[in-house]
């Protein structure tokens, strides 16, 4: 069952997805369709995709809320939480964009378990040096 109007490639190319934060993208479903098309995948979204898109929207809102409440006393913990949220959002979007079907309860478990490792493995040495991603999350979580 299709839940979204299928857009043409021309319509998708006109949309601006050049954003700094995922929550700045006004239509995540359209973003996923566009990325699927650009990767040569089937762009049609189904009801399972809607569940994951809603999960991504929820995580984006959680990140946005965390940023609005950051201060000197909670900086370390908030930064740690933001990195975790970013890893989860990126992982969910990876599965959506590449149209990887799997039981979504298993997907949640997989992302909880492996999104950290995937997040760090994908970085080059210079990116690690120039980002907060250099923070060793394994030890950061133990110190709190």
Protein backbone atom coordinates (compact mmCIF):
# COMPACT_ATOMS: atom_id res chain seq x y z
CA UNK A 1 0.00 0.00 0.00
CA UNK A 2 1.43 3.38 -1.02
CA UNK A 3 1.05 6.15 1.49
CA UNK A 4 2.62 9.00 -0.41
CA UNK A 5 2.13 10.66 -3.76
CA UNK A 6 4.92 9.42 -6.03
CA UNK A 7 6.86 12.41 -7.23
CA UNK A 8 8.58 12.67 -10.57
CA UNK A 9 12.35 12.94 -10.76
CA UNK A 10 11.95 16.54 -11.96
CA UNK A 11 9.84 17.43 -8.91
CA UNK A 12 12.38 15.86 -6.59
CA UNK A 13 15.32 17.67 -8.17
CA UNK A 14 13.66 21.04 -7.53
CA UNK A 15 13.51 20.46 -3.78
CA UNK A 16 16.24 21.86 -1.56
CA UNK A 17 17.74 19.20 0.71
CA UNK A 18 20.92 21.16 1.37
CA UNK A 19 20.37 21.48 5.11
CA UNK A 20 22.62 21.29 8.15
CA UNK A 21 20.20 19.35 10.35
CA UNK A 22 17.79 16.57 9.51
CA UNK A 23 14.91 18.42 11.17
CA UNK A 24 15.35 21.28 8.68
CA UNK A 25 14.14 18.99 5.89
CA UNK A 26 10.46 19.83 5.63
CA UNK A 27 9.43 16.50 4.11
CA UNK A 28 11.51 13.48 5.13
CA UNK A 29 9.41 11.15 2.97
CA UNK A 30 10.25 13.23 -0.09
CA UNK A 31 13.91 13.28 0.93
CA UNK A 32 13.93 9.47 1.15
CA UNK A 33 12.17 9.15 -2.22
CA UNK A 34 14.71 11.48 -3.80
CA UNK A 35 17.68 9.62 -2.34
CA UNK A 36 16.23 6.27 -3.41
CA UNK A 37 15.82 7.53 -6.97
CA UNK A 38 19.34 8.94 -7.07
CA UNK A 39 20.66 5.54 -5.92
CA UNK A 40 18.63 3.67 -8.53
CA UNK A 41 16.27 2.11 -5.97
CA UNK A 42 12.49 1.86 -5.99
CA UNK A 43 11.26 5.16 -4.57
CA UNK A 44 7.80 3.96 -3.50
CA UNK A 45 7.27 4.23 0.26
CA UNK A 46 5.11 1.72 2.13
CA UNK A 47 3.52 1.59 5.58
CA UNK A 48 6.72 0.18 7.13
CA UNK A 49 8.70 3.10 5.75
CA UNK A 50 6.18 5.47 7.34
CA UNK A 51 6.85 3.87 10.74
CA UNK A 52 10.60 4.43 10.35
CA UNK A 53 10.14 7.97 9.01
CA UNK A 54 8.05 8.79 12.07
CA UNK A 55 10.78 7.31 14.28
CA UNK A 56 13.35 9.55 12.54
CA UNK A 57 11.10 12.60 13.03
CA UNK A 58 10.80 11.75 16.71
CA UNK A 59 14.58 11.40 17.08
CA UNK A 60 15.08 14.71 15.24
CA UNK A 61 12.68 16.44 17.61
CA UNK A 62 14.49 14.90 20.58
CA UNK A 63 17.81 16.24 19.25
CA UNK A 64 16.35 19.66 18.63
CA UNK A 65 14.92 19.76 22.15
CA UNK A 66 18.28 18.69 23.63
CA UNK A 67 20.09 21.48 21.81
CA UNK A 68 17.65 24.07 23.11
CA UNK A 69 18.37 23.03 26.71
CA UNK A 70 22.16 22.73 26.54
CA UNK A 71 24.15 24.67 29.13
CA UNK A 72 27.47 24.55 30.95
CA UNK A 73 26.34 22.06 33.55
CA UNK A 74 24.89 19.50 31.13
CA UNK A 75 27.15 20.03 28.11
CA UNK A 76 29.05 16.74 28.28
CA UNK A 77 25.95 14.58 28.75
CA UNK A 78 23.95 16.52 26.15
CA UNK A 79 26.74 16.22 23.60
CA UNK A 80 26.96 12.49 24.29
CA UNK A 81 23.18 12.16 23.80
CA UNK A 82 23.28 14.21 20.58
CA UNK A 83 25.98 12.00 19.11
CA UNK A 84 23.91 8.92 19.98
CA UNK A 85 20.82 10.47 18.39
CA UNK A 86 22.76 11.43 15.26
CA UNK A 87 24.06 7.88 14.93
CA UNK A 88 20.53 6.47 15.21
CA UNK A 89 19.05 8.95 12.75
CA UNK A 90 21.81 8.21 10.24
CA UNK A 91 21.32 4.47 10.60
CA UNK A 92 17.54 4.63 10.17
CA UNK A 93 17.94 6.84 7.10
CA UNK A 94 20.50 4.42 5.65
CA UNK A 95 17.96 1.59 5.83
CA UNK A 96 15.20 3.80 4.41
CA UNK A 97 17.26 5.17 1.53
CA UNK A 98 18.63 1.79 0.51
CA UNK A 99 15.14 0.27 0.77
CA UNK A 100 16.37 -2.49 3.07
CA UNK A 101 13.40 -4.41 4.37
CA UNK A 102 13.61 -6.09 7.71
CA UNK A 103 11.32 -6.61 10.66
CA UNK A 104 11.23 -3.16 12.23
CA UNK A 105 11.47 -4.50 15.77
CA UNK A 106 14.71 -6.19 14.69
CA UNK A 107 15.78 -2.95 13.00
CA UNK A 108 15.30 -1.06 16.28
CA UNK A 109 17.41 -3.65 18.11
CA UNK A 110 20.10 -3.58 15.41
CA UNK A 111 20.32 0.20 15.48
CA UNK A 112 20.47 0.29 19.28
CA UNK A 113 23.26 -2.27 19.22
CA UNK A 114 25.33 -1.26 16.18
CA UNK A 115 24.69 2.36 15.18
CA UNK A 116 27.60 3.61 17.34
CA UNK A 117 30.12 1.35 15.67
CA UNK A 118 28.87 2.18 12.17
CA UNK A 119 29.00 5.89 12.98
CA UNK A 120 32.65 5.79 13.98
CA UNK A 121 33.86 3.27 11.39
CA UNK A 122 32.61 5.51 8.56
CA UNK A 123 34.86 8.41 9.54
CA UNK A 124 38.30 9.09 8.15
CA UNK A 125 41.18 9.89 10.48
CA UNK A 126 41.03 13.63 9.68
CA UNK A 127 37.27 13.71 10.31
CA UNK A 128 37.86 12.13 13.70
CA UNK A 129 40.43 14.78 14.52
CA UNK A 130 38.19 17.65 13.43
CA UNK A 131 34.93 16.54 15.01
CA UNK A 132 33.35 15.81 18.34
CA UNK A 133 33.14 12.28 16.98
CA UNK A 134 36.63 11.82 18.40
CA UNK A 135 35.01 11.46 21.83
CA UNK A 136 35.37 7.89 23.03
CA UNK A 137 31.75 7.15 23.80
CA UNK A 138 32.56 3.82 25.49
CA UNK A 139 34.39 5.60 28.30
CA UNK A 140 32.17 8.67 28.30
CA UNK A 141 29.10 6.61 29.18
CA UNK A 142 30.97 4.84 31.99
CA UNK A 143 32.09 8.10 33.60
CA UNK A 144 28.52 9.40 34.04
